[in-house]
């Protein structure tokens, strides 16, 4: 089986960027090619948004335009 993985070397071990489907203690052969930071994949918008742990009103998605553009506020109803 052959698979291309991206990983980060932390000074001691390689940490894969995603899950690897191998049994523990499976021997592998690594060919290391370094990447410049500019070559890194852009982060997923949804992953970044989730990591911000934003909170807002319960009707946020229903009344997005009101909240973004200053429409009626819940106390105005």
C-alpha atoms as a PDB file:
ATOM      1  CA  UNK A   1       0.000   0.000   0.000  1.00  0.00           C
ATOM      2  CA  UNK A   2       1.251   3.492  -0.842  1.00  0.00           C
ATOM      3  CA  UNK A   3      -0.144   6.704   0.613  1.00  0.00           C
ATOM      4  CA  UNK A   4       0.954  10.352   0.587  1.00  0.00           C
ATOM      5  CA  UNK A   5       0.567  12.061   3.957  1.00  0.00           C
ATOM      6  CA  UNK A   6       1.316  15.507   5.266  1.00  0.00           C
ATOM      7  CA  UNK A   7       2.869  15.711   8.707  1.00  0.00           C
ATOM      8  CA  UNK A   8       4.665  18.065  11.049  1.00  0.00           C
ATOM      9  CA  UNK A   9       7.940  17.144  12.734  1.00  0.00           C
ATOM     10  CA  UNK A  10       7.865  18.323  16.365  1.00  0.00           C
ATOM     11  CA  UNK A  11      11.546  17.743  17.035  1.00  0.00           C
ATOM     12  CA  UNK A  12      11.099  14.102  18.017  1.00  0.00           C
ATOM     13  CA  UNK A  13       8.302  12.509  15.991  1.00  0.00           C
ATOM     14  CA  UNK A  14       6.266  13.109  12.851  1.00  0.00           C
ATOM     15  CA  UNK A  15       2.642  14.094  13.563  1.00  0.00           C
ATOM     16  CA  UNK A  16       0.302  13.337  10.621  1.00  0.00           C
ATOM     17  CA  UNK A  17      -2.144  16.111   9.693  1.00  0.00           C
ATOM     18  CA  UNK A  18      -4.955  13.583   9.321  1.00  0.00           C
ATOM     19  CA  UNK A  19      -5.824  10.086  10.496  1.00  0.00           C
ATOM     20  CA  UNK A  20      -3.653   7.241   9.204  1.00  0.00           C
ATOM     21  CA  UNK A  21      -5.231   3.858   8.574  1.00  0.00           C
ATOM     22  CA  UNK A  22      -2.431   1.657   9.918  1.00  0.00           C
ATOM     23  CA  UNK A  23      -2.245  -0.757  12.801  1.00  0.00           C
ATOM     24  CA  UNK A  24      -0.039   0.366  15.713  1.00  0.00           C
ATOM     25  CA  UNK A  25       3.630  -0.673  15.385  1.00  0.00           C
ATOM     26  CA  UNK A  26       3.358  -1.087  11.599  1.00  0.00           C
ATOM     27  CA  UNK A  27       6.746  -0.458  10.018  1.00  0.00           C
ATOM     28  CA  UNK A  28       6.747   2.137   7.240  1.00  0.00           C
ATOM     29  CA  UNK A  29       9.289   3.836   5.015  1.00  0.00           C
ATOM     30  CA  UNK A  30       9.259   7.644   5.000  1.00  0.00           C
ATOM     31  CA  UNK A  31      10.505   9.900   2.233  1.00  0.00           C
ATOM     32  CA  UNK A  32      10.666  13.424   3.634  1.00  0.00           C
ATOM     33  CA  UNK A  33      10.110  16.481   1.452  1.00  0.00           C
ATOM     34  CA  UNK A  34       9.956  19.814   3.267  1.00  0.00           C
ATOM     35  CA  UNK A  35       7.338  22.393   2.377  1.00  0.00           C
ATOM     36  CA  UNK A  36       7.633  26.132   2.740  1.00  0.00           C
ATOM     37  CA  UNK A  37       4.855  27.806   4.757  1.00  0.00           C
ATOM     38  CA  UNK A  38       3.516  29.376   1.552  1.00  0.00           C
ATOM     39  CA  UNK A  39       2.780  25.871   0.212  1.00  0.00           C
ATOM     40  CA  UNK A  40       0.574  24.940   3.175  1.00  0.00           C
ATOM     41  CA  UNK A  41      -3.060  24.391   2.342  1.00  0.00           C
ATOM     42  CA  UNK A  42      -5.387  27.211   3.348  1.00  0.00           C
ATOM     43  CA  UNK A  43      -7.448  26.463   6.418  1.00  0.00           C
ATOM     44  CA  UNK A  44     -11.073  25.533   5.985  1.00  0.00           C
ATOM     45  CA  UNK A  45     -13.405  28.462   6.699  1.00  0.00           C
ATOM     46  CA  UNK A  46     -15.751  26.212   8.680  1.00  0.00           C
ATOM     47  CA  UNK A  47     -12.899  24.782  10.762  1.00  0.00           C
ATOM     48  CA  UNK A  48     -11.687  28.303  11.590  1.00  0.00           C
ATOM     49  CA  UNK A  49     -15.228  29.496  12.376  1.00  0.00           C
ATOM     50  CA  UNK A  50     -15.823  26.536  14.718  1.00  0.00           C
ATOM     51  CA  UNK A  51     -12.499  27.137  16.465  1.00  0.00           C
ATOM     52  CA  UNK A  52     -13.587  30.699  17.328  1.00  0.00           C
ATOM     53  CA  UNK A  53     -16.415  29.321  19.506  1.00  0.00           C
ATOM     54  CA  UNK A  54     -18.676  32.237  18.618  1.00  0.00           C
ATOM     55  CA  UNK A  55     -21.961  32.642  20.414  1.00  0.00           C
ATOM     56  CA  UNK A  56     -24.940  34.753  19.534  1.00  0.00           C
ATOM     57  CA  UNK A  57     -28.700  34.998  19.790  1.00  0.00           C
ATOM     58  CA  UNK A  58     -30.769  31.872  19.183  1.00  0.00           C
ATOM     59  CA  UNK A  59     -32.287  33.390  16.022  1.00  0.00           C
ATOM     60  CA  UNK A  60     -28.889  34.389  14.577  1.00  0.00           C
ATOM     61  CA  UNK A  61     -29.301  32.496  11.294  1.00  0.00           C
ATOM     62  CA  UNK A  62     -32.966  33.472  10.805  1.00  0.00           C
ATOM     63  CA  UNK A  63     -32.304  37.188  11.268  1.00  0.00           C
ATOM     64  CA  UNK A  64     -28.758  37.515   9.957  1.00  0.00           C
ATOM     65  CA  UNK A  65     -29.545  40.589   7.813  1.00  0.00           C
ATOM     66  CA  UNK A  66     -31.121  42.349  10.792  1.00  0.00           C
ATOM     67  CA  UNK A  67     -28.021  41.765  12.902  1.00  0.00           C
ATOM     68  CA  UNK A  68     -25.554  42.619  10.139  1.00  0.00           C
ATOM     69  CA  UNK A  69     -27.287  45.650   8.680  1.00  0.00           C
ATOM     70  CA  UNK A  70     -29.066  47.109  11.718  1.00  0.00           C
ATOM     71  CA  UNK A  71     -32.640  46.018  11.138  1.00  0.00           C
ATOM     72  CA  UNK A  72     -35.153  45.385  13.914  1.00  0.00           C
ATOM     73  CA  UNK A  73     -33.713  44.218  17.206  1.00  0.00           C
ATOM     74  CA  UNK A  74     -35.447  41.644  19.450  1.00  0.00           C
ATOM     75  CA  UNK A  75     -36.424  44.410  21.910  1.00  0.00           C
ATOM     76  CA  UNK A  76     -38.115  46.383  19.053  1.00  0.00           C
ATOM     77  CA  UNK A  77     -40.753  43.722  18.457  1.00  0.00           C
END
